Each structure stands twice: as structure tokens, then as C-alpha cells.
Protein backbone atom coordinates (compact mmCIF):
# COMPACT_ATOMS: atom_id res chain seq x y z
CA MET A 1 -2.51 -37.20 -99.75
CA SER A 2 -2.94 -39.76 -97.53
CA SER A 3 -1.54 -39.92 -94.13
CA VAL A 4 -0.09 -42.94 -92.23
CA ALA A 5 -3.22 -43.74 -89.84
CA LYS A 6 -3.29 -45.57 -87.03
CA GLY A 7 -2.58 -49.50 -86.47
CA GLU A 8 -0.13 -49.19 -89.38
CA HIS A 9 2.97 -49.27 -89.49
CA PHE A 10 5.22 -46.17 -89.65
CA PRO A 11 8.01 -45.97 -92.66
CA ASN A 12 11.54 -45.51 -91.18
CA VAL A 13 12.60 -41.78 -91.19
CA PHE A 14 16.59 -40.71 -90.77
CA LEU A 15 17.43 -38.11 -88.93
CA LYS A 16 20.05 -35.82 -88.62
CA ARG A 17 20.69 -34.43 -84.55
CA PRO A 18 22.17 -30.72 -83.36
CA ASP A 19 25.79 -32.13 -82.74
CA GLY A 20 26.65 -34.03 -86.11
CA THR A 21 25.02 -37.64 -85.39
CA SER A 22 22.81 -39.60 -86.96
CA MET A 23 20.36 -41.69 -86.22
CA GLU A 24 17.26 -43.91 -87.58
CA LEU A 25 14.27 -43.91 -86.32
CA VAL A 26 14.19 -48.33 -86.41
CA ASP A 27 16.85 -47.47 -83.33
CA LEU A 28 13.69 -46.95 -81.24
CA TYR A 29 12.10 -50.04 -82.75
CA LYS A 30 11.86 -52.79 -79.28
CA LYS A 31 13.82 -50.66 -76.72
CA GLU A 32 11.09 -47.46 -76.34
CA HIS A 33 7.61 -45.10 -77.92
CA ALA A 34 8.46 -42.00 -79.89
CA LEU A 35 6.77 -39.21 -80.19
CA VAL A 36 7.23 -37.72 -82.77
CA LEU A 37 6.90 -33.84 -84.32
CA PHE A 38 6.57 -32.99 -87.53
CA LEU A 39 7.51 -29.27 -87.67
CA SER A 40 8.33 -27.19 -90.36
CA LYS A 41 8.84 -24.63 -89.00
CA PRO A 42 8.49 -23.18 -85.09
CA ASP A 43 5.47 -22.39 -83.56
CA PRO A 44 5.13 -21.21 -80.32
CA ASP A 45 2.29 -23.05 -78.81
CA ALA A 46 4.27 -26.58 -80.19
CA LEU A 47 7.27 -25.08 -78.32
CA VAL A 48 5.24 -25.17 -75.13
CA PHE A 49 4.45 -28.65 -75.29
CA VAL A 50 7.63 -30.17 -76.00
CA SER A 51 8.52 -27.96 -72.60
CA HIS A 52 5.64 -28.93 -70.81
CA PHE A 53 6.68 -33.11 -71.66
CA HIS A 54 9.96 -32.35 -70.79
CA ASP A 55 8.90 -31.09 -67.31
CA GLN A 56 6.85 -34.45 -67.44
CA ALA A 57 10.02 -36.25 -68.13
CA ARG A 58 9.59 -39.13 -65.27
CA LEU A 59 6.28 -39.73 -66.34
CA PHE A 60 7.63 -40.40 -70.06
CA GLU A 61 10.82 -42.42 -69.08
CA TRP A 62 7.96 -44.69 -66.69
CA LEU A 63 6.12 -44.57 -69.96
CA ASN A 64 8.83 -45.43 -72.30
CA THR A 65 8.12 -42.80 -74.64
CA ARG A 66 10.96 -40.71 -76.46
CA LEU A 67 10.45 -37.10 -77.77
CA LEU A 68 11.40 -36.07 -81.06
CA VAL A 69 11.04 -32.87 -83.11
CA ILE A 70 12.48 -32.82 -86.35
CA PHE A 71 12.45 -29.47 -88.39
CA PRO A 72 13.70 -30.09 -92.42
CA LYS A 73 15.84 -26.47 -91.71
CA GLN A 74 18.80 -26.44 -89.98
CA GLU A 75 17.85 -22.46 -89.82
CA HIS A 76 14.59 -23.53 -87.76
CA LEU A 77 15.95 -25.42 -84.94
CA VAL A 78 15.09 -23.03 -81.64
CA THR A 79 18.12 -21.94 -79.15
CA PRO A 80 17.13 -21.89 -76.88
CA TRP A 81 15.95 -24.99 -76.71
CA PRO A 82 12.57 -25.30 -74.42
CA ALA A 83 13.39 -29.67 -73.45
CA PRO A 84 17.42 -30.24 -73.82
CA ALA A 85 17.16 -33.66 -72.59
CA TYR A 86 14.96 -33.99 -75.49
CA PRO A 87 17.32 -32.24 -78.76
CA PRO A 88 15.92 -31.29 -82.88
CA CYS A 89 17.03 -33.08 -84.93
CA GLN A 90 16.50 -32.60 -88.56
CA HIS A 91 15.22 -34.69 -91.96
CA LEU A 92 17.28 -33.95 -94.29
CA GLU A 93 14.84 -35.48 -96.97
CA ASP A 94 11.32 -35.52 -98.55
CA LEU A 95 9.08 -37.16 -96.45
CA PRO A 96 8.20 -41.59 -96.76
CA ASP A 97 4.45 -41.13 -97.96
CA GLY A 98 1.90 -41.25 -95.86
CA VAL A 99 3.94 -38.85 -93.61
CA HIS A 100 3.72 -34.33 -93.58
CA TRP A 101 5.50 -31.68 -91.85
CA ASP A 102 3.09 -30.01 -89.10
CA LYS A 103 1.33 -33.56 -87.82
CA ALA A 104 2.71 -35.47 -84.89
CA TYR A 105 2.78 -38.90 -84.67
CA VAL A 106 3.27 -41.74 -81.74
CA VAL A 107 5.30 -45.07 -82.50
CA SER A 108 4.96 -47.93 -80.58
CA LYS A 109 8.09 -49.69 -80.09
CA HIS A 110 7.12 -52.19 -81.98
CA GLY A 111 6.51 -49.60 -85.55
CA THR A 112 3.14 -48.59 -85.72
CA VAL A 113 1.56 -45.20 -85.50
CA MET A 114 -1.05 -45.32 -81.86
CA GLU A 115 -1.75 -42.20 -83.10
CA ALA A 116 -1.96 -39.15 -85.36
CA TYR A 117 -2.36 -35.91 -84.33
CA GLU A 118 -3.05 -33.10 -86.63
CA GLU A 119 -1.95 -30.17 -84.73
CA PRO A 120 1.14 -30.80 -82.89
CA GLY A 121 0.25 -26.82 -81.89
CA PHE A 122 -2.92 -28.24 -79.84
CA LEU A 123 -1.06 -31.15 -78.09
CA SER A 124 -1.59 -31.98 -74.19
CA VAL A 125 0.60 -33.54 -72.49
CA ALA A 126 -1.89 -35.77 -70.71
CA LYS A 127 -4.23 -36.28 -73.58
CA VAL A 128 -0.44 -38.15 -75.52
CA GLU A 129 -0.38 -40.03 -71.55
CA GLN A 130 -4.23 -41.01 -71.40
CA ASP A 131 -3.20 -42.37 -75.78
CA ILE A 132 -0.21 -43.92 -74.72
CA LEU A 133 -1.78 -45.61 -71.03
CA TYR A 134 -5.25 -46.79 -73.95
CA TRP A 135 -2.74 -48.27 -76.31
CA GLU A 136 -0.37 -49.81 -73.61
CA ALA A 137 -3.71 -51.37 -71.70
CA GLY A 138 -5.59 -52.60 -74.42
CA HIS A 139 -1.95 -54.81 -75.91
CA CYS A 140 -1.90 -56.17 -72.08
CA LEU A 141 -5.55 -57.99 -72.25
CA PRO A 142 -5.18 -61.45 -73.46
């Protein structure tokens, strides 16, 4: 069971929003980075992270990074949602090869994996911020 690795292309995923609209991950390419959390079910620690991300929204707007929290089933969507600016989504199909539930990925606006995190419940806003800043700095050098 291999995973999409840092520096590799992240496959497109089709998402359904709670309001019934849909989106694709490729819609974000060339516009913004995405922190994508694939949660097989609600995880209290991951939801605390989502809340902290929401509290730090101005920082992540500056870093041009959107949060996408994805669940496999409608009944897993938590209400009230801890981050109204970042509503959860649903992925109705099998995940693409290399992408796994209960993992998080930072996908660059170029469609490549900046970072992959094994346990979204242990993520910290500071760690994600540091990883994105490091990636951005590395791409600014000649």
C-alpha cells in the first residue's frame, strides 16, 4: 500500500460540498495551495486542528492555503462544524491510488505534494505553517 510521496503529483479528487455543489481539486491549481485532510470518521483531535486552522485563517490566507476536510459519508459530517469558512466535503468514490483515509496532504498550487502527514489528529497549525513557508522559500531561490 504505497502512498503519494513528497514532490509527486497529487491525483485529482471530486468533492461534494454540504450545499450540494461540487468541486475538483484541480480547480485550485494555479490559484492556491490546499491542506487536504482525509478523515474516515470524525476524529476529535483532527477537529481541534480544524478549529485552530480556522482561528488562524488570516495567516493561511496570506500563505494562499485552503483547508479541505473530506469524509467518505454524509453521516460523518459534524454539526456544528468547527470551521464555518472551511466546510467539510464528501468524496463519494474510491480514493485514487496512493491516497489514503486518515492522512493529510499539503498540495501545492502546482499540483504536487509538499508534505504528507500520517496522522491528522497530531497536526499542529505551527507545523503546517512552517512546512508551507519552507516550501515557498525553497521555490523563491534561483
